[in-house]
PDB file of N, CA and C in Angstrom:
ATOM      1  N   MET A   1       8.168  -1.285 -15.325  1.00  0.00           N
ATOM      2  CA  MET A   1       8.099  -2.024 -14.562  1.00  0.00           C
ATOM      3  C   MET A   1       7.425  -3.191 -15.142  1.00  0.00           C
ATOM      4  N   GLU A   2       6.362  -3.006 -15.895  1.00  0.00           N
ATOM      5  CA  GLU A   2       5.423  -4.133 -15.937  1.00  0.00           C
ATOM      6  C   GLU A   2       6.256  -5.207 -17.139  1.00  0.00           C
ATOM      7  N   ARG A   3       6.839  -4.665 -18.007  1.00  0.00           N
ATOM      8  CA  ARG A   3       7.917  -5.640 -18.391  1.00  0.00           C
ATOM      9  C   ARG A   3       8.734  -6.523 -18.019  1.00  0.00           C
ATOM     10  N   ASP A   4       8.704  -6.065 -16.454  1.00  0.00           N
ATOM     11  CA  ASP A   4       9.778  -6.887 -15.599  1.00  0.00           C
ATOM     12  C   ASP A   4       8.839  -7.972 -14.633  1.00  0.00           C
ATOM     13  N   GLY A   5       7.686  -7.802 -15.235  1.00  0.00           N
ATOM     14  CA  GLY A   5       6.617  -8.626 -14.214  1.00  0.00           C
ATOM     15  C   GLY A   5       5.690  -8.239 -12.960  1.00  0.00           C
ATOM     16  N   ALA A   6       6.113  -6.751 -12.886  1.00  0.00           N
ATOM     17  CA  ALA A   6       5.405  -6.142 -11.822  1.00  0.00           C
ATOM     18  C   ALA A   6       4.054  -5.823 -11.924  1.00  0.00           C
ATOM     19  N   ASP A   7       3.332  -6.532 -10.797  1.00  0.00           N
ATOM     20  CA  ASP A   7       1.738  -5.723 -10.749  1.00  0.00           C
ATOM     21  C   ASP A   7       1.868  -4.773 -10.298  1.00  0.00           C
ATOM     22  N   VAL A   8       2.583  -4.481  -9.004  1.00  0.00           N
ATOM     23  CA  VAL A   8       2.124  -3.387  -8.136  1.00  0.00           C
ATOM     24  C   VAL A   8       3.767  -2.940  -7.769  1.00  0.00           C
ATOM     25  N   VAL A   9       3.670  -1.577  -7.787  1.00  0.00           N
ATOM     26  CA  VAL A   9       4.930  -1.048  -7.112  1.00  0.00           C
ATOM     27  C   VAL A   9       4.707   0.019  -6.169  1.00  0.00           C
ATOM     28  N   GLY A  10       5.167  -0.284  -4.954  1.00  0.00           N
ATOM     29  CA  GLY A  10       4.994   0.590  -4.084  1.00  0.00           C
ATOM     30  C   GLY A  10       5.699   1.279  -3.876  1.00  0.00           C
ATOM     31  N   MET A  11       5.526   2.683  -3.012  1.00  0.00           N
ATOM     32  CA  MET A  11       6.583   3.595  -2.583  1.00  0.00           C
ATOM     33  C   MET A  11       7.241   3.791  -1.486  1.00  0.00           C
ATOM     34  N   THR A  12       6.837   2.549  -0.549  1.00  0.00           N
ATOM     35  CA  THR A  12       7.643   2.393   0.989  1.00  0.00           C
ATOM     36  C   THR A  12       7.561   1.004   1.137  1.00  0.00           C
ATOM     37  N   GLY A  13       8.420   0.797   2.245  1.00  0.00           N
ATOM     38  CA  GLY A  13       8.554  -0.315   2.679  1.00  0.00           C
ATOM     39  C   GLY A  13      10.020  -0.795   3.047  1.00  0.00           C
ATOM     40  N   MET A  14      11.070  -0.981   1.620  1.00  0.00           N
ATOM     41  CA  MET A  14      12.299  -1.047   1.687  1.00  0.00           C
ATOM     42  C   MET A  14      13.138  -0.696   2.825  1.00  0.00           C
ATOM     43  N   PRO A  15      12.996   0.724   3.085  1.00  0.00           N
ATOM     44  CA  PRO A  15      13.646   0.958   4.341  1.00  0.00           C
ATOM     45  C   PRO A  15      13.706   0.515   5.712  1.00  0.00           C
ATOM     46  N   GLU A  16      12.025   0.394   6.049  1.00  0.00           N
ATOM     47  CA  GLU A  16      11.489  -0.123   6.994  1.00  0.00           C
ATOM     48  C   GLU A  16      12.204  -1.710   7.196  1.00  0.00           C
ATOM     49  N   ALA A  17      11.872  -2.261   6.275  1.00  0.00           N
ATOM     50  CA  ALA A  17      12.148  -3.939   6.275  1.00  0.00           C
ATOM     51  C   ALA A  17      13.779  -3.843   6.142  1.00  0.00           C
ATOM     52  N   ALA A  18      14.413  -3.375   5.877  1.00  0.00           N
ATOM     53  CA  ALA A  18      16.120  -3.239   5.945  1.00  0.00           C
ATOM     54  C   ALA A  18      16.252  -2.954   7.503  1.00  0.00           C
ATOM     55  N   LEU A  19      15.991  -1.920   8.042  1.00  0.00           N
ATOM     56  CA  LEU A  19      16.236  -1.471   9.351  1.00  0.00           C
ATOM     57  C   LEU A  19      15.602  -2.674  10.271  1.00  0.00           C
ATOM     58  N   ALA A  20      14.480  -3.290   9.998  1.00  0.00           N
ATOM     59  CA  ALA A  20      13.863  -4.034  10.851  1.00  0.00           C
ATOM     60  C   ALA A  20      14.998  -5.630  10.743  1.00  0.00           C
ATOM     61  N   ARG A  21      15.193  -5.973   9.682  1.00  0.00           N
ATOM     62  CA  ARG A  21      16.357  -7.123   9.846  1.00  0.00           C
ATOM     63  C   ARG A  21      17.456  -7.075  10.495  1.00  0.00           C
ATOM     64  N   GLU A  22      18.083  -5.702  10.439  1.00  0.00           N
ATOM     65  CA  GLU A  22      19.342  -5.105  10.701  1.00  0.00           C
ATOM     66  C   GLU A  22      19.228  -5.529  12.414  1.00  0.00           C
ATOM     67  N   LEU A  23      18.035  -4.890  12.912  1.00  0.00           N
ATOM     68  CA  LEU A  23      17.688  -4.761  14.451  1.00  0.00           C
ATOM     69  C   LEU A  23      17.291  -6.542  14.894  1.00  0.00           C
ATOM     70  N   GLY A  24      16.795  -7.558  13.652  1.00  0.00           N
ATOM     71  CA  GLY A  24      16.549  -8.488  14.388  1.00  0.00           C
ATOM     72  C   GLY A  24      15.031  -8.730  14.518  1.00  0.00           C
ATOM     73  N   LEU A  25      14.462  -7.571  14.392  1.00  0.00           N
ATOM     74  CA  LEU A  25      13.158  -7.317  14.451  1.00  0.00           C
ATOM     75  C   LEU A  25      12.099  -8.047  13.178  1.00  0.00           C
ATOM     76  N   ASP A  26      10.676  -8.645  13.540  1.00  0.00           N
ATOM     77  CA  ASP A  26       9.937  -9.256  12.827  1.00  0.00           C
ATOM     78  C   ASP A  26       9.352  -8.056  12.008  1.00  0.00           C
ATOM     79  N   TYR A  27       8.945  -8.111  10.628  1.00  0.00           N
ATOM     80  CA  TYR A  27       8.368  -7.264   9.932  1.00  0.00           C
ATOM     81  C   TYR A  27       7.470  -7.467   9.028  1.00  0.00           C
ATOM     82  N   ALA A  28       6.173  -7.076   8.992  1.00  0.00           N
ATOM     83  CA  ALA A  28       5.391  -7.245   8.082  1.00  0.00           C
ATOM     84  C   ALA A  28       4.599  -5.771   7.437  1.00  0.00           C
ATOM     85  N   ALA A  29       4.107  -6.116   6.651  1.00  0.00           N
ATOM     86  CA  ALA A  29       3.560  -4.690   5.628  1.00  0.00           C
ATOM     87  C   ALA A  29       2.093  -5.150   5.511  1.00  0.00           C
ATOM     88  N   LEU A  30       1.240  -4.075   5.605  1.00  0.00           N
ATOM     89  CA  LEU A  30      -0.207  -4.156   5.042  1.00  0.00           C
ATOM     90  C   LEU A  30      -0.260  -3.111   4.102  1.00  0.00           C
ATOM     91  N   ALA A  31      -0.465  -3.208   2.881  1.00  0.00           N
ATOM     92  CA  ALA A  31      -0.220  -2.203   1.951  1.00  0.00           C
ATOM     93  C   ALA A  31      -1.604  -1.884   1.213  1.00  0.00           C
ATOM     94  N   VAL A  32      -2.214  -0.621   1.018  1.00  0.00           N
ATOM     95  CA  VAL A  32      -3.422  -0.222   0.627  1.00  0.00           C
ATOM     96  C   VAL A  32      -2.984   0.344  -1.173  1.00  0.00           C
ATOM     97  N   SER A  33      -3.376  -0.003  -2.041  1.00  0.00           N
ATOM     98  CA  SER A  33      -3.342   0.640  -3.546  1.00  0.00           C
ATOM     99  C   SER A  33      -4.454   1.799  -3.525  1.00  0.00           C
ATOM    100  N   ALA A  34      -4.028   2.971  -3.467  1.00  0.00           N
ATOM    101  CA  ALA A  34      -4.797   3.911  -3.264  1.00  0.00           C
ATOM    102  C   ALA A  34      -5.034   4.666  -4.465  1.00  0.00           C
ATOM    103  N   ASN A  35      -3.974   4.435  -5.509  1.00  0.00           N
ATOM    104  CA  ASN A  35      -3.742   4.807  -7.061  1.00  0.00           C
ATOM    105  C   ASN A  35      -3.412   3.639  -8.010  1.00  0.00           C
ATOM    106  N   PHE A  36      -4.198   2.737  -8.042  1.00  0.00           N
ATOM    107  CA  PHE A  36      -3.962   1.424  -8.853  1.00  0.00           C
ATOM    108  C   PHE A  36      -3.562   2.169 -10.504  1.00  0.00           C
ATOM    109  N   ALA A  37      -2.619   1.860 -10.838  1.00  0.00           N
ATOM    110  CA  ALA A  37      -2.277   2.032 -12.192  1.00  0.00           C
ATOM    111  C   ALA A  37      -2.300   3.602 -12.489  1.00  0.00           C
ATOM    112  N   ALA A  38      -1.539   4.211 -11.686  1.00  0.00           N
ATOM    113  CA  ALA A  38      -0.899   5.552 -12.020  1.00  0.00           C
ATOM    114  C   ALA A  38      -0.557   5.530 -13.272  1.00  0.00           C
ATOM    115  N   GLY A  39      -0.790   6.760 -13.558  1.00  0.00           N
ATOM    116  CA  GLY A  39      -0.423   7.174 -15.030  1.00  0.00           C
ATOM    117  C   GLY A  39      -0.537   6.532 -16.345  1.00  0.00           C
ATOM    118  N   ARG A  40      -1.608   5.609 -15.961  1.00  0.00           N
ATOM    119  CA  ARG A  40      -2.493   4.905 -17.236  1.00  0.00           C
ATOM    120  C   ARG A  40      -3.831   4.814 -17.217  1.00  0.00           C
ATOM    121  N   GLY A  41      -4.197   4.745 -18.538  1.00  0.00           N
ATOM    122  CA  GLY A  41      -5.930   4.803 -18.775  1.00  0.00           C
ATOM    123  C   GLY A  41      -6.150   6.432 -18.217  1.00  0.00           C
ATOM    124  N   ASP A  42      -7.393   6.211 -17.257  1.00  0.00           N
ATOM    125  CA  ASP A  42      -8.014   7.810 -17.037  1.00  0.00           C
ATOM    126  C   ASP A  42      -7.212   8.391 -15.905  1.00  0.00           C
ATOM    127  N   SER A  43      -5.981   7.815 -15.419  1.00  0.00           N
ATOM    128  CA  SER A  43      -4.922   8.480 -14.426  1.00  0.00           C
ATOM    129  C   SER A  43      -3.742   8.892 -15.200  1.00  0.00           C
ATOM    130  N   ALA A  44      -3.893   9.312 -16.535  1.00  0.00           N
ATOM    131  CA  ALA A  44      -2.488   9.458 -17.429  1.00  0.00           C
ATOM    132  C   ALA A  44      -2.104  10.830 -17.312  1.00  0.00           C
ATOM    133  N   HIS A  45      -2.912  11.575 -16.706  1.00  0.00           N
ATOM    134  CA  HIS A  45      -2.681  13.002 -16.849  1.00  0.00           C
ATOM    135  C   HIS A  45      -2.717  13.674 -15.264  1.00  0.00           C
ATOM    136  N   ALA A  46      -3.985  13.083 -14.489  1.00  0.00           N
ATOM    137  CA  ALA A  46      -3.908  13.466 -13.243  1.00  0.00           C
ATOM    138  C   ALA A  46      -4.784  12.667 -12.807  1.00  0.00           C
ATOM    139  N   VAL A  47      -4.805  12.422 -11.481  1.00  0.00           N
ATOM    140  CA  VAL A  47      -5.793  11.725 -10.748  1.00  0.00           C
ATOM    141  C   VAL A  47      -6.414  12.601  -9.430  1.00  0.00           C
ATOM    142  N   ALA A  48      -7.757  12.554  -9.384  1.00  0.00           N
ATOM    143  CA  ALA A  48      -8.196  13.487  -8.642  1.00  0.00           C
ATOM    144  C   ALA A  48      -7.925  13.253  -6.991  1.00  0.00           C
ATOM    145  N   LEU A  49      -7.894  13.920  -6.155  1.00  0.00           N
ATOM    146  CA  LEU A  49      -7.527  13.820  -4.983  1.00  0.00           C
ATOM    147  C   LEU A  49      -8.685  13.270  -4.336  1.00  0.00           C
ATOM    148  N   GLU A  50      -9.987  13.733  -4.654  1.00  0.00           N
ATOM    149  CA  GLU A  50     -11.309  12.976  -3.987  1.00  0.00           C
ATOM    150  C   GLU A  50     -11.165  11.406  -4.320  1.00  0.00           C
ATOM    151  N   ARG A  51     -10.492  10.897  -5.508  1.00  0.00           N
ATOM    152  CA  ARG A  51     -10.640   9.550  -5.477  1.00  0.00           C
ATOM    153  C   ARG A  51     -10.143   8.876  -4.664  1.00  0.00           C
ATOM    154  N   ILE A  52      -8.517   9.497  -4.767  1.00  0.00           N
ATOM    155  CA  ILE A  52      -7.447   8.671  -3.994  1.00  0.00           C
ATOM    156  C   ILE A  52      -8.107   8.721  -2.366  1.00  0.00           C
ATOM    157  N   GLU A  53      -8.651   9.898  -1.789  1.00  0.00           N
ATOM    158  CA  GLU A  53      -9.245  10.132  -0.452  1.00  0.00           C
ATOM    159  C   GLU A  53     -10.393   8.894  -0.024  1.00  0.00           C
ATOM    160  N   ALA A  54     -11.051   8.830  -0.924  1.00  0.00           N
ATOM    161  CA  ALA A  54     -12.363   7.789  -1.040  1.00  0.00           C
ATOM    162  C   ALA A  54     -11.501   6.724  -1.162  1.00  0.00           C
ATOM    163  N   VAL A  55     -10.802   6.186  -1.889  1.00  0.00           N
ATOM    164  CA  VAL A  55     -10.537   4.611  -1.918  1.00  0.00           C
ATOM    165  C   VAL A  55      -9.738   4.280  -0.451  1.00  0.00           C
ATOM    166  N   LEU A  56      -8.725   5.513   0.461  1.00  0.00           N
ATOM    167  CA  LEU A  56      -8.175   5.268   1.201  1.00  0.00           C
ATOM    168  C   LEU A  56      -9.069   5.312   2.772  1.00  0.00           C
ATOM    169  N   ALA A  57     -10.490   5.878   2.522  1.00  0.00           N
ATOM    170  CA  ALA A  57     -11.193   5.852   3.615  1.00  0.00           C
ATOM    171  C   ALA A  57     -11.880   4.639   3.460  1.00  0.00           C
ATOM    172  N   GLN A  58     -11.999   4.120   2.385  1.00  0.00           N
ATOM    173  CA  GLN A  58     -12.775   2.790   2.661  1.00  0.00           C
ATOM    174  C   GLN A  58     -11.851   1.593   3.026  1.00  0.00           C
ATOM    175  N   ALA A  59     -10.696   1.592   2.502  1.00  0.00           N
ATOM    176  CA  ALA A  59      -9.501   0.763   2.993  1.00  0.00           C
ATOM    177  C   ALA A  59      -9.220   0.866   4.267  1.00  0.00           C
ATOM    178  N   MET A  60      -9.366   1.972   5.130  1.00  0.00           N
ATOM    179  CA  MET A  60      -8.964   1.859   6.312  1.00  0.00           C
ATOM    180  C   MET A  60      -9.540   1.512   7.307  1.00  0.00           C
ATOM    181  N   GLY A  61     -10.610   1.148   6.948  1.00  0.00           N
ATOM    182  CA  GLY A  61     -11.775   0.450   7.907  1.00  0.00           C
ATOM    183  C   GLY A  61     -11.184  -1.006   7.730  1.00  0.00           C
ATOM    184  N   ARG A  62     -10.985  -1.406   6.735  1.00  0.00           N
ATOM    185  CA  ARG A  62     -10.578  -2.758   6.461  1.00  0.00           C
ATOM    186  C   ARG A  62      -9.405  -3.240   6.914  1.00  0.00           C
ATOM    187  N   VAL A  63      -8.317  -2.070   7.026  1.00  0.00           N
ATOM    188  CA  VAL A  63      -7.194  -2.312   7.737  1.00  0.00           C
ATOM    189  C   VAL A  63      -7.110  -2.248   9.224  1.00  0.00           C
ATOM    190  N   ARG A  64      -8.020  -1.556   9.633  1.00  0.00           N
ATOM    191  CA  ARG A  64      -8.487  -1.857  11.071  1.00  0.00           C
ATOM    192  C   ARG A  64      -9.051  -2.965  11.686  1.00  0.00           C
ATOM    193  N   ARG A  65      -9.806  -3.490  10.794  1.00  0.00           N
ATOM    194  CA  ARG A  65     -10.523  -4.710  11.371  1.00  0.00           C
ATOM    195  C   ARG A  65      -9.392  -5.748  11.120  1.00  0.00           C
ATOM    196  N   ILE A  66      -8.559  -5.843  10.188  1.00  0.00           N
ATOM    197  CA  ILE A  66      -7.402  -6.612   9.814  1.00  0.00           C
ATOM    198  C   ILE A  66      -6.280  -6.697  11.037  1.00  0.00           C
ATOM    199  N   ILE A  67      -6.080  -5.464  11.465  1.00  0.00           N
ATOM    200  CA  ILE A  67      -5.251  -4.998  12.706  1.00  0.00           C
ATOM    201  C   ILE A  67      -5.635  -5.554  13.927  1.00  0.00           C
ATOM    202  N   GLU A  68      -7.120  -5.333  14.291  1.00  0.00           N
ATOM    203  CA  GLU A  68      -8.031  -5.510  15.509  1.00  0.00           C
ATOM    204  C   GLU A  68      -8.027  -7.083  15.684  1.00  0.00           C
ATOM    205  N   GLN A  69      -8.237  -8.044  14.437  1.00  0.00           N
ATOM    206  CA  GLN A  69      -8.063  -9.251  14.392  1.00  0.00           C
ATOM    207  C   GLN A  69      -6.666  -9.625  14.872  1.00  0.00           C
ATOM    208  N   LEU A  70      -5.620  -9.379  14.170  1.00  0.00           N
ATOM    209  CA  LEU A  70      -4.435  -9.755  14.867  1.00  0.00           C
ATOM    210  C   LEU A  70      -3.945  -9.426  16.007  1.00  0.00           C
ATOM    211  N   VAL A  71      -4.282  -8.422  16.756  1.00  0.00           N
ATOM    212  CA  VAL A  71      -3.939  -7.897  18.221  1.00  0.00           C
ATOM    213  C   VAL A  71      -4.611  -9.059  18.884  1.00  0.00           C
ATOM    214  N   ALA A  72      -6.150  -9.277  18.820  1.00  0.00           N
ATOM    215  CA  ALA A  72      -7.084  -9.998  19.421  1.00  0.00           C
ATOM    216  C   ALA A  72      -6.365 -11.422  19.566  1.00  0.00           C
ATOM    217  N   GLY A  73      -6.036 -11.928  18.376  1.00  0.00           N
ATOM    218  CA  GLY A  73      -5.804 -13.476  18.094  1.00  0.00           C
ATOM    219  C   GLY A  73      -4.439 -13.658  19.016  1.00  0.00           C
TER     220      GLY A  73
END
């Protein structure tokens, strides 16, 4: 995918976006990259679950703040 110009490859989003469009619903995605560069560099053979959990724990605080601001706005 890198050869095609991709910087990030996600594992979800398409089914939800397609269904939302079908139903005429607005749709936005807020994504967290918990395993950036999976399969490359030091993650070529395995990624420690603890590393992914740490990234998710940190990111979820930011996600909550973004959602709170959107709801309040």
